[in-house]
């Protein structure tokens, strides 16, 4: 088994690809209803009930007025982290809706950070660009969004980042920040920041940290580094994880005080991000249990990194990830025991809000069976699926608060329904096609049609 290829795929294939399927008809189905019964049923149908509380979206594009998002703002309430999902990893409208919502939450609700399932070190580079204009955006995206993170190297996210930079130029004392919450890579800047802190504030630790990090600081591009790292024997990867764990422990032995407190906290977090990667890559991916344990670790650290940033900085955060990561309950308990959204709800309570993004039909980019990137398309959702009912709500594109749904809708939302849930490869294995929407997300944004994102490289 090609271990490192399995993990590289798993990092951005939260549930492979879950396709909409038509449930088999019951052998004892009731006879067709008469006109009066049909009218009564229509009035009490879930789509009619949802239509009474759904709010239409004026557009899915980021430019223009934002007044139609005010109902969404009321749904957000006092949430400190809003998780915005996506049913595919590479559709234009999912990215532009996130851009539009970010604009609204920054301008109207005081949100000041955008978190993405990208490495912590990637977040630091992009944050420096957004705050101070350091580096070239194209170069940063090309270097950071490769391998399993290639889906983020698109025109839509470039537009979002350019908007964030323009906002910060106008508001230098109240900027919008960028957070990478994932652990699939630890860039050279992490080692440099930890080493610089130790040299300045803990000179006695510096030689020991240098020895513990020996051979770990990347000297190649991210994709090559990860491939080479995962080709190492399991025993070596476990030994590296043990070393990075000792580095974190050494830094924690003497907590920072006074003016040093903040610098110490950031140094520990940077060292923790290094340890998160080495731990992720030390699981036995030749066993199903090892893969399950690795995915549990990954979702836990993504939640911990977001919660750490929120609590350390006080920033309210827009969190972008796949639906299956931002969900309040795992879609696939056997393979993904607990996901980022579950951890965040435990840590933040009502301060975390989960928003699932669904669609009826359209196209997306994904890796095919040959390993290459292709554009795929899917047709309308089949009867019996969640999207089929959502698409019959009276608005084309809309947002609906599932927590305040009428009774007829609540009954429908409580039953498992098949959903489209397409990861980084397509087609994938429909390993858990049914979810209870009311238990999975607080809010759903449904789009009738999506198109493939414009990838830049």
Protein backbone atom coordinates (compact mmCIF):
# COMPACT_ATOMS: atom_id res chain seq x y z
CA UNK A 1 0.00 0.00 0.00
CA UNK A 2 1.33 3.44 -0.94
CA UNK A 3 1.02 5.01 2.50
CA UNK A 4 1.89 8.60 1.73
CA UNK A 5 -0.46 8.71 -1.25
CA UNK A 6 -3.30 7.54 1.00
CA UNK A 7 -2.70 10.32 3.48
CA UNK A 8 -2.23 12.97 0.82
CA UNK A 9 -5.61 12.01 -0.58
CA UNK A 10 -7.24 11.82 2.84
CA UNK A 11 -6.12 15.29 3.88
CA UNK A 12 -8.58 16.96 1.55
CA UNK A 13 -11.06 14.16 0.93
CA UNK A 14 -13.09 14.36 4.09
CA UNK A 15 -15.69 11.90 2.86
CA UNK A 16 -14.51 11.01 -0.63
CA UNK A 17 -17.51 11.77 -2.86
CA UNK A 18 -21.03 11.19 -1.65
CA UNK A 19 -23.39 11.21 -4.60
CA UNK A 20 -27.09 11.84 -4.50
CA UNK A 21 -28.96 8.57 -4.89
CA UNK A 22 -32.63 7.78 -5.11
CA UNK A 23 -33.97 5.77 -2.16
CA UNK A 24 -35.86 2.65 -3.19
CA UNK A 25 -39.63 3.04 -3.26
CA UNK A 26 -41.53 1.30 -0.49
CA UNK A 27 -43.52 -1.76 -1.51
CA UNK A 28 -46.41 -0.55 0.61
CA UNK A 29 -46.58 2.99 -0.72
CA UNK A 30 -49.87 4.79 -0.22
CA UNK A 31 -52.23 5.44 -3.10
CA UNK A 32 -52.10 8.88 -4.74
CA UNK A 33 -53.89 11.53 -2.71
CA UNK A 34 -56.98 13.36 -3.92
CA UNK A 35 -56.98 17.09 -4.78
CA UNK A 36 -57.92 18.26 -1.26
CA UNK A 37 -55.43 15.92 0.39
CA UNK A 38 -52.74 16.98 -2.05
CA UNK A 39 -53.38 20.66 -1.30
CA UNK A 40 -53.20 20.03 2.44
CA UNK A 41 -50.02 18.01 2.03
CA UNK A 42 -48.46 20.78 -0.07
CA UNK A 43 -49.26 23.34 2.61
CA UNK A 44 -47.58 21.15 5.21
CA UNK A 45 -44.73 20.03 2.96
CA UNK A 46 -41.18 20.61 4.16
CA UNK A 47 -40.37 22.79 1.15
CA UNK A 48 -43.40 25.01 1.83
CA UNK A 49 -42.52 25.21 5.51
CA UNK A 50 -38.91 26.08 4.77
CA UNK A 51 -40.06 28.62 2.20
CA UNK A 52 -41.90 30.54 4.91
CA UNK A 53 -38.71 31.12 6.89
CA UNK A 54 -36.07 31.13 4.13
CA UNK A 55 -34.49 34.41 2.99
CA UNK A 56 -33.51 34.89 -0.66
CA UNK A 57 -30.01 35.86 -1.68
CA UNK A 58 -29.76 38.72 -4.17
CA UNK A 59 -26.61 37.26 -5.69
CA UNK A 60 -23.81 34.82 -5.01
CA UNK A 61 -21.16 37.28 -6.25
CA UNK A 62 -19.14 39.32 -3.72
CA UNK A 63 -19.63 42.78 -5.21
CA UNK A 64 -22.57 45.09 -4.66
CA UNK A 65 -24.98 45.70 -1.80
CA UNK A 66 -25.24 43.41 1.20
CA UNK A 67 -28.69 44.29 2.54
CA UNK A 68 -30.06 40.84 1.70
CA UNK A 69 -27.59 39.35 4.21
CA UNK A 70 -29.09 41.17 7.18
CA UNK A 71 -31.33 38.20 8.06
CA UNK A 72 -28.21 36.05 8.05
CA UNK A 73 -26.56 38.56 10.39
CA UNK A 74 -29.45 38.11 12.83
CA UNK A 75 -28.95 34.33 12.62
CA UNK A 76 -25.26 34.77 13.46
CA UNK A 77 -26.15 36.62 16.64
CA UNK A 78 -23.25 36.62 19.09
CA UNK A 79 -21.32 33.75 17.48
CA UNK A 80 -17.55 34.19 17.61
CA UNK A 81 -16.72 31.57 14.97
CA UNK A 82 -18.93 30.99 11.91
CA UNK A 83 -18.08 27.82 9.99
CA UNK A 84 -18.93 28.13 6.29
CA UNK A 85 -18.98 24.78 4.52
CA UNK A 86 -18.99 23.66 0.90
CA UNK A 87 -20.39 20.59 -0.81
CA UNK A 88 -17.47 20.48 -3.27
CA UNK A 89 -13.89 21.66 -2.85
CA UNK A 90 -13.77 23.63 -6.08
CA UNK A 91 -16.95 25.40 -7.18
CA UNK A 92 -17.03 29.12 -8.00
CA UNK A 93 -20.20 29.98 -6.10
CA UNK A 94 -19.12 28.34 -2.85
CA UNK A 95 -16.01 30.52 -2.80
CA UNK A 96 -17.80 33.72 -3.84
CA UNK A 97 -20.58 33.23 -1.29
CA UNK A 98 -17.90 32.90 1.39
CA UNK A 99 -16.28 36.10 0.11
CA UNK A 100 -19.63 37.89 0.20
CA UNK A 101 -20.41 36.68 3.73
CA UNK A 102 -16.91 37.61 4.90
CA UNK A 103 -17.46 41.13 3.58
CA UNK A 104 -20.77 41.39 5.42
CA UNK A 105 -19.46 39.98 8.70
CA UNK A 106 -16.39 42.22 8.61
CA UNK A 107 -18.31 45.38 7.75
CA UNK A 108 -21.45 44.80 9.82
CA UNK A 109 -20.64 42.31 12.60
CA UNK A 110 -17.04 43.07 13.55
CA UNK A 111 -15.43 39.85 12.33
CA UNK A 112 -11.69 40.21 11.90
CA UNK A 113 -10.23 36.89 10.73
CA UNK A 114 -10.64 34.36 7.94
CA UNK A 115 -9.56 30.78 8.71
CA UNK A 116 -8.98 28.14 6.04
CA UNK A 117 -8.07 24.45 6.07
CA UNK A 118 -4.50 25.28 5.10
CA UNK A 119 -1.27 24.88 7.12
CA UNK A 120 -0.59 27.17 10.08
CA UNK A 121 2.60 28.34 8.36
CA UNK A 122 0.66 29.20 5.20
CA UNK A 123 -1.57 31.35 7.35
CA UNK A 124 1.43 33.23 8.72
CA UNK A 125 2.70 34.08 5.22
CA UNK A 126 -0.69 35.24 4.02
CA UNK A 127 -1.29 37.18 7.23
CA UNK A 128 2.00 39.06 6.74
CA UNK A 129 0.95 39.92 3.19
CA UNK A 130 -2.47 41.12 4.31
CA UNK A 131 -1.13 43.17 7.21
CA UNK A 132 2.01 44.69 5.73
CA UNK A 133 2.07 43.80 2.05
CA UNK A 134 5.00 41.41 2.57
CA UNK A 135 5.73 39.24 -0.46
CA UNK A 136 3.94 38.72 -3.75
CA UNK A 137 0.43 37.23 -3.54
CA UNK A 138 0.80 35.10 -6.66
CA UNK A 139 4.08 33.65 -5.46
CA UNK A 140 2.68 32.93 -2.00
CA UNK A 141 -0.39 31.18 -3.42
CA UNK A 142 1.70 29.17 -5.91
CA UNK A 143 4.10 28.05 -3.20
CA UNK A 144 1.58 27.39 -0.44
CA UNK A 145 -1.46 26.10 -2.31
CA UNK A 146 0.01 23.01 -3.94
CA UNK A 147 -0.33 19.28 -3.45
CA UNK A 148 -3.40 18.53 -1.36
CA UNK A 149 -4.05 22.26 -0.97
CA UNK A 150 -4.04 23.01 -4.71
CA UNK A 151 -7.80 23.65 -4.70
CA UNK A 152 -7.27 26.97 -2.91
CA UNK A 153 -5.07 28.33 -5.72
CA UNK A 154 -8.03 29.79 -7.57
CA UNK A 155 -9.15 33.14 -8.90
CA UNK A 156 -12.01 33.34 -6.40
CA UNK A 157 -9.76 33.09 -3.33
CA UNK A 158 -7.25 35.45 -4.95
CA UNK A 159 -10.09 37.96 -5.24
CA UNK A 160 -11.02 37.41 -1.59
CA UNK A 161 -7.43 37.92 -0.44
CA UNK A 162 -7.08 41.06 -2.55
CA UNK A 163 -10.22 42.45 -0.94
CA UNK A 164 -8.81 41.69 2.51
CA UNK A 165 -5.56 43.48 1.63
CA UNK A 166 -7.43 46.52 0.29
CA UNK A 167 -9.53 46.62 3.47
CA UNK A 168 -6.40 46.54 5.62
CA UNK A 169 -4.77 49.36 3.66
CA UNK A 170 -7.81 51.48 4.52
CA UNK A 171 -8.01 50.22 8.13
CA UNK A 172 -4.39 49.66 9.26
CA UNK A 173 -5.31 49.87 12.95
CA UNK A 174 -8.20 47.41 12.69
CA UNK A 175 -7.14 44.80 10.14
CA UNK A 176 -8.62 41.52 8.98
CA UNK A 177 -6.31 38.58 9.66
CA UNK A 178 -5.70 35.20 7.99
CA UNK A 179 -5.47 31.90 9.88
CA UNK A 180 -4.29 28.56 8.50
CA UNK A 181 -5.71 25.93 10.84
CA UNK A 182 -4.53 22.67 9.27
CA UNK A 183 -1.53 20.45 9.96
CA UNK A 184 -0.56 18.97 6.60
CA UNK A 185 2.70 20.95 6.35
CA UNK A 186 4.93 23.02 8.64
CA UNK A 187 6.83 25.68 6.73
CA UNK A 188 10.32 26.97 7.42
CA UNK A 189 8.96 30.16 9.02
CA UNK A 190 7.71 28.14 12.00
CA UNK A 191 11.19 26.85 12.82
CA UNK A 192 12.65 30.31 12.28
CA UNK A 193 10.13 31.96 14.61
CA UNK A 194 10.63 29.39 17.37
CA UNK A 195 14.41 29.64 17.03
CA UNK A 196 14.34 33.46 17.05
CA UNK A 197 12.23 33.50 20.20
CA UNK A 198 14.53 31.03 21.96
CA UNK A 199 17.65 32.98 20.97
CA UNK A 200 16.17 36.21 22.34
CA UNK A 201 14.27 35.04 25.42
CA UNK A 202 15.50 31.51 26.25
CA UNK A 203 19.12 31.36 25.03
CA UNK A 204 19.77 28.32 27.18
CA UNK A 205 17.16 26.37 25.20
CA UNK A 206 18.33 27.38 21.75
CA UNK A 207 20.97 24.64 21.24
CA UNK A 208 18.57 21.96 22.47
CA UNK A 209 15.79 23.12 20.14
CA UNK A 210 18.24 23.20 17.23
CA UNK A 211 19.09 19.56 17.92
CA UNK A 212 15.45 18.49 18.30
CA UNK A 213 14.53 20.15 14.99
CA UNK A 214 17.55 18.75 13.15
CA UNK A 215 16.59 17.65 9.62
CA UNK A 216 13.01 18.92 9.89
CA UNK A 217 13.12 22.49 8.56
CA UNK A 218 11.90 22.38 4.92
CA UNK A 219 14.45 23.12 2.22
CA UNK A 220 12.22 22.17 -0.75
CA UNK A 221 8.75 23.06 -1.96
CA UNK A 222 5.85 21.89 0.21
CA UNK A 223 4.65 19.05 -2.02
CA UNK A 224 8.13 17.56 -2.40
CA UNK A 225 8.78 17.91 1.33
CA UNK A 226 5.58 16.09 2.30
CA UNK A 227 6.12 13.31 -0.23
CA UNK A 228 9.68 12.79 1.00
CA UNK A 229 8.60 12.94 4.65
CA UNK A 230 5.89 10.32 4.19
CA UNK A 231 8.37 8.02 2.46
CA UNK A 232 10.38 7.76 5.67
CA UNK A 233 10.05 4.52 7.68
CA UNK A 234 7.33 4.54 10.33
CA UNK A 235 9.87 4.23 13.14
CA UNK A 236 11.67 7.37 11.94
CA UNK A 237 8.43 9.33 11.69
CA UNK A 238 7.48 8.32 15.21
CA UNK A 239 10.90 9.38 16.48
CA UNK A 240 10.53 12.78 14.78
CA UNK A 241 7.11 13.26 16.39
CA UNK A 242 8.60 12.42 19.77
CA UNK A 243 11.34 15.01 19.22
CA UNK A 244 8.92 17.81 18.26
CA UNK A 245 6.80 16.95 21.29
CA UNK A 246 9.85 17.43 23.52
CA UNK A 247 10.45 20.82 21.89
CA UNK A 248 6.94 21.95 22.86
CA UNK A 249 7.43 20.64 26.39
CA UNK A 250 10.73 22.51 26.75
CA UNK A 251 9.15 25.80 25.72
CA UNK A 252 6.27 25.27 28.13
CA UNK A 253 8.50 24.59 31.12
CA UNK A 254 8.99 28.28 31.81
CA UNK A 255 5.80 30.27 31.08
CA UNK A 256 6.24 33.78 29.78
CA UNK A 257 5.52 36.69 32.09
CA UNK A 258 5.07 40.39 31.63
CA UNK A 259 6.14 41.69 28.23
CA UNK A 260 7.37 38.20 27.32
CA UNK A 261 3.98 36.54 27.86
CA UNK A 262 2.56 37.17 24.40
CA UNK A 263 5.78 36.29 22.55
CA UNK A 264 6.04 33.08 24.56
CA UNK A 265 2.45 32.09 23.77
CA UNK A 266 3.02 32.55 20.03
CA UNK A 267 6.29 30.62 20.13
CA UNK A 268 4.58 27.71 21.86
CA UNK A 269 1.79 27.78 19.28
CA UNK A 270 4.27 27.74 16.38
CA UNK A 271 6.09 24.79 17.98
CA UNK A 272 2.74 23.11 18.51
CA UNK A 273 1.94 23.48 14.81
CA UNK A 274 5.19 21.69 13.95
CA UNK A 275 4.30 18.91 16.38
CA UNK A 276 0.80 18.66 14.92
CA UNK A 277 2.27 17.85 11.51
CA UNK A 278 4.79 15.29 12.74
CA UNK A 279 2.08 13.62 14.83
CA UNK A 280 -0.28 13.48 11.86
CA UNK A 281 2.39 11.81 9.76
CA UNK A 282 3.30 9.28 12.50
CA UNK A 283 0.02 7.33 12.35
CA UNK A 284 0.05 3.87 10.80
CA UNK A 285 -1.76 4.49 7.54
CA UNK A 286 -1.43 0.89 6.48
CA UNK A 287 -4.27 0.07 8.87
CA UNK A 288 -7.88 1.29 8.78
CA UNK A 289 -7.64 2.20 12.46
CA UNK A 290 -4.51 4.24 11.82
CA UNK A 291 -6.26 6.26 9.12
CA UNK A 292 -9.26 6.82 11.40
CA UNK A 293 -6.98 7.96 14.22
CA UNK A 294 -5.14 10.32 11.86
CA UNK A 295 -8.37 11.94 10.71
CA UNK A 296 -9.54 12.34 14.31
CA UNK A 297 -6.23 14.05 15.11
CA UNK A 298 -6.56 16.31 12.09
CA UNK A 299 -10.05 17.59 12.91
CA UNK A 300 -9.09 18.05 16.55
CA UNK A 301 -6.05 20.21 15.76
CA UNK A 302 -7.97 22.30 13.21
CA UNK A 303 -10.50 23.10 15.92
CA UNK A 304 -7.78 23.75 18.51
CA UNK A 305 -5.95 26.17 16.21
CA UNK A 306 -9.11 28.16 15.44
CA UNK A 307 -10.13 28.26 19.11
CA UNK A 308 -6.58 29.29 20.13
CA UNK A 309 -6.57 32.20 17.69
CA UNK A 310 -10.03 33.34 18.72
CA UNK A 311 -9.25 33.21 22.42
CA UNK A 312 -5.75 34.70 22.08
CA UNK A 313 -6.63 37.60 19.78
CA UNK A 314 -10.32 38.08 20.51
CA UNK A 315 -11.00 38.10 16.75
CA UNK A 316 -14.34 36.83 15.55
CA UNK A 317 -13.58 34.33 12.79
CA UNK A 318 -15.10 33.17 9.51
CA UNK A 319 -13.99 29.54 9.14
CA UNK A 320 -13.93 28.05 5.62
CA UNK A 321 -13.88 24.27 5.22
CA UNK A 322 -15.79 21.36 3.75
CA UNK A 323 -19.34 20.77 5.01
CA UNK A 324 -18.17 17.59 6.68
CA UNK A 325 -15.57 19.50 8.73
CA UNK A 326 -17.75 22.40 9.89
CA UNK A 327 -20.65 20.06 10.75
CA UNK A 328 -21.85 19.68 14.32
CA UNK A 329 -21.82 15.90 13.95
CA UNK A 330 -19.67 13.68 11.83
CA UNK A 331 -21.14 12.47 8.57
CA UNK A 332 -19.20 9.17 8.79
CA UNK A 333 -18.69 7.97 12.39
CA UNK A 334 -16.67 4.92 11.37
CA UNK A 335 -14.02 6.84 9.42
CA UNK A 336 -14.28 10.29 11.00
CA UNK A 337 -15.12 9.75 14.68
CA UNK A 338 -15.39 13.46 15.48
CA UNK A 339 -15.03 16.53 13.30
CA UNK A 340 -13.87 20.13 13.63
CA UNK A 341 -17.36 21.53 14.13
CA UNK A 342 -18.08 19.11 16.98
CA UNK A 343 -14.87 20.08 18.75
CA UNK A 344 -15.61 23.79 18.29
CA UNK A 345 -19.15 23.46 19.64
CA UNK A 346 -17.70 21.74 22.71
CA UNK A 347 -15.06 24.44 23.19
CA UNK A 348 -17.13 27.52 22.31
CA UNK A 349 -20.72 26.39 22.93
CA UNK A 350 -23.12 28.76 21.21
CA UNK A 351 -20.11 30.82 20.17
CA UNK A 352 -19.71 28.42 17.25
CA UNK A 353 -22.19 28.44 14.34
CA UNK A 354 -22.25 25.80 11.60
CA UNK A 355 -23.42 26.79 8.11
CA UNK A 356 -23.72 24.09 5.45
CA UNK A 357 -23.69 25.03 1.74
CA UNK A 358 -25.66 22.77 -0.59
CA UNK A 359 -26.44 22.79 -4.32
CA UNK A 360 -28.82 21.11 -6.73
CA UNK A 361 -26.70 20.78 -9.89
CA UNK A 362 -23.56 22.07 -11.52
CA UNK A 363 -19.83 21.53 -11.94
CA UNK A 364 -16.63 21.44 -9.93
CA UNK A 365 -12.94 20.58 -10.18
CA UNK A 366 -11.58 17.42 -8.60
CA UNK A 367 -8.93 14.76 -9.08
CA UNK A 368 -10.07 11.92 -11.31
CA UNK A 369 -9.19 8.25 -11.13
CA UNK A 370 -6.06 8.99 -13.18
CA UNK A 371 -4.82 11.45 -10.56
CA UNK A 372 -5.22 14.45 -12.86
CA UNK A 373 -7.41 17.48 -12.19
CA UNK A 374 -10.63 17.49 -14.21
CA UNK A 375 -13.89 19.38 -14.42
CA UNK A 376 -16.91 17.26 -13.50
CA UNK A 377 -20.63 17.95 -13.57
CA UNK A 378 -23.64 16.47 -11.80
CA UNK A 379 -27.30 16.80 -12.73
CA UNK A 380 -30.31 17.68 -10.62
CA UNK A 381 -30.66 16.00 -7.25
CA UNK A 382 -32.73 12.82 -7.22
CA UNK A 383 -36.11 12.62 -5.45
CA UNK A 384 -35.74 11.71 -1.82
CA UNK A 385 -32.45 13.55 -1.36
CA UNK A 386 -32.01 16.63 0.79
CA UNK A 387 -31.15 18.85 -2.19
CA UNK A 388 -34.22 17.76 -4.13
CA UNK A 389 -36.47 19.15 -1.41
CA UNK A 390 -34.31 22.22 -0.80
CA UNK A 391 -34.41 23.04 -4.49
CA UNK A 392 -38.21 23.11 -4.39
CA UNK A 393 -38.22 25.95 -1.84
CA UNK A 394 -39.68 29.03 -3.52
CA UNK A 395 -36.39 30.97 -3.73
CA UNK A 396 -33.64 30.23 -6.23
CA UNK A 397 -30.75 30.77 -3.77
CA UNK A 398 -31.51 31.24 -0.10
CA UNK A 399 -30.39 31.00 3.51
CA UNK A 400 -32.52 29.27 6.15
CA UNK A 401 -32.09 28.91 9.90
CA UNK A 402 -32.77 25.26 10.70
CA UNK A 403 -33.05 26.04 14.40
CA UNK A 404 -36.25 28.02 13.82
CA UNK A 405 -37.87 25.82 11.18
CA UNK A 406 -41.64 25.20 11.33
CA UNK A 407 -42.92 21.85 12.57
CA UNK A 408 -43.41 20.33 9.11
CA UNK A 409 -39.82 21.17 8.24
CA UNK A 410 -38.42 20.03 11.61
CA UNK A 411 -39.83 16.54 11.08
CA UNK A 412 -38.23 16.36 7.65
CA UNK A 413 -34.90 17.75 8.89
CA UNK A 414 -34.72 15.13 11.65
CA UNK A 415 -34.72 12.20 9.19
CA UNK A 416 -31.47 11.05 7.49
CA UNK A 417 -31.32 12.33 3.91
CA UNK A 418 -28.81 11.69 1.16
CA UNK A 419 -26.63 14.71 0.37
CA UNK A 420 -24.06 15.63 -2.25
CA UNK A 421 -20.74 15.77 -0.46
CA UNK A 422 -17.91 15.79 -2.99
CA UNK A 423 -14.31 15.87 -1.83
CA UNK A 424 -11.03 16.32 -3.63
CA UNK A 425 -11.40 13.16 -5.74
CA UNK A 426 -14.30 12.21 -7.97
CA UNK A 427 -15.96 9.81 -8.21
CA UNK A 428 -15.35 8.59 -4.68
CA UNK A 429 -16.85 6.03 -2.38
CA UNK A 430 -20.36 6.82 -1.09
CA UNK A 431 -19.42 5.63 2.36
CA UNK A 432 -22.09 7.53 4.37
CA UNK A 433 -24.56 9.26 2.09
CA UNK A 434 -27.19 10.17 4.65
CA UNK A 435 -27.18 12.88 7.32
CA UNK A 436 -29.74 14.55 9.54
CA UNK A 437 -29.50 18.19 8.51
CA UNK A 438 -30.97 19.52 11.77
CA UNK A 439 -28.25 17.76 13.76
CA UNK A 440 -25.47 18.61 11.32
CA UNK A 441 -25.81 22.37 10.75
CA UNK A 442 -27.47 25.39 12.36
CA UNK A 443 -28.01 27.11 9.00
CA UNK A 444 -28.13 25.99 5.38
CA UNK A 445 -27.38 28.12 2.33
CA UNK A 446 -28.79 26.41 -0.76
CA UNK A 447 -27.75 27.27 -4.31
CA UNK A 448 -29.58 26.04 -7.38
CA UNK A 449 -26.54 25.83 -9.61
CA UNK A 450 -22.75 26.06 -9.20
CA UNK A 451 -19.91 26.14 -11.72
CA UNK A 452 -16.31 24.98 -11.49
CA UNK A 453 -13.89 27.41 -9.88
CA UNK A 454 -11.15 28.98 -11.97
CA UNK A 455 -7.95 27.30 -10.87
CA UNK A 456 -4.81 29.38 -11.36
CA UNK A 457 -2.19 26.63 -11.55
